[in-house]
Amino acid sequence: MQKLLTIVVPVYKVEPYINKCLDSCVLEDEKLMSQLEVIIVNDGTPDNSAEMSREYVNRYPQTFRQIDKENGGHGSAWNVGLKEATGKYLRFLDSDDWLTNLDKLMAKLAMTDADIVLSDFTKCYISENRDELRIAPNATENPIMIDKAFLDKCRYNYELLNFWHSTYKTKILQPLLPLFAEHVMYDDSALFIAPIIYGSTYESINVPIYNYLLGREGQTMQASVQRKNIDSYWSCIKQLEKLRMESSKYVQQEHIQYMDNVIQDYVHNFMGMFILLPYKESHITMSYLLNKYPYEPSKMPKYVIRFHKMPFFVFFFLERIRTIKNNISYRLFGHKSK
């Protein structure tokens, strides 16, 4: 019998968090537990996380299974889990996060055939000791077609299609394998567009399911880590472009327009980071991106105006100085110049 839900959990150096994460996947209801599949992907972790997670396989062999692989990064682990998933629906769960109300989510999944099921999630700021509830669209009882209005919401709130809000029908993601860029950070950006390539309907429940931990040491959202991984942004841009190109022949026009808008927005959000690349690489990369994804004149940032007006060697030199000053200013006063 096909499982109702597969949860994919990548594991790498998460000893303090793994038990809470996997405990949240254990259900008291035996019938629901029998309909659940939890795929743990050990991404070559050097600590005891894999041994700790293997205890759940021993304790709940009908639900948990573990795949051991060489380290390939977060996206690699997700690709393996997606490939191995057998459930009708699928959720991604990072191993420093945890779920709540899983039984309510599974009850919803048992009654729907929507391609995407949206739910509320909570941002948990560990350093500030506060939580922030992020609300999904109003609850629905039947699948709703993904139309332009919904896509417009998604464009200005990328979280909606990302794994914090979304549970996906497995068959809308598996044909896109390998879906996630590997050996990079921010690989989940593929989910900004991937669910609507084969997905055509959605439903919502206003129940908090996912708990997203922010602020732990070494987490990729920390600014100090971001500055060291500009190449990850570039790899993710190329992965988004690849998904858009490969799906353009069979996706309806409004979905194509949405994908174009998302990629353009993603490029623009991180454009300023590419000045930190070496001179030649920065020139080639920024020229390519600004040519392919130009700003509307009314929305053009000041640094892009400078890029167009100045010889690149002058622009590069001045922007490097500006970046250093901004970093110092941000550390001292908490603000940056544009």
Foldseek 3Di string as FASTA:
>chain_A
DFAAEEEEEEDAPDVVQQVQAVVLLDDPPPVNQLSAAYEYEDQQHPDCSVVVLVVVCVVRVSHYDYHYDHHWADLVSVLVSLQPHRHQKYAYAYRNKHWDPVVVVSVLSVQADAFKEFEKAWEQEPVVRDIDIDWAPDFDDYWDWCDLVNLVVCLVPVVRQFRQTIMGRSVQQNVCPSQFDIPAPPRSSSSSQSSQLRGTIYGYDHDHTIYHYPDDPPDCVDPVNVLVGLVRLVSNLVSLVVVLVVSVVPHDDSSSVSSLSNSLVSCVVCLLSLLSDPLVSSVVVNVVSCVVRPDDVVPDDPLVVVCVPDDSVVSSVVSVVQVVVQVVCCVVPNDHDD
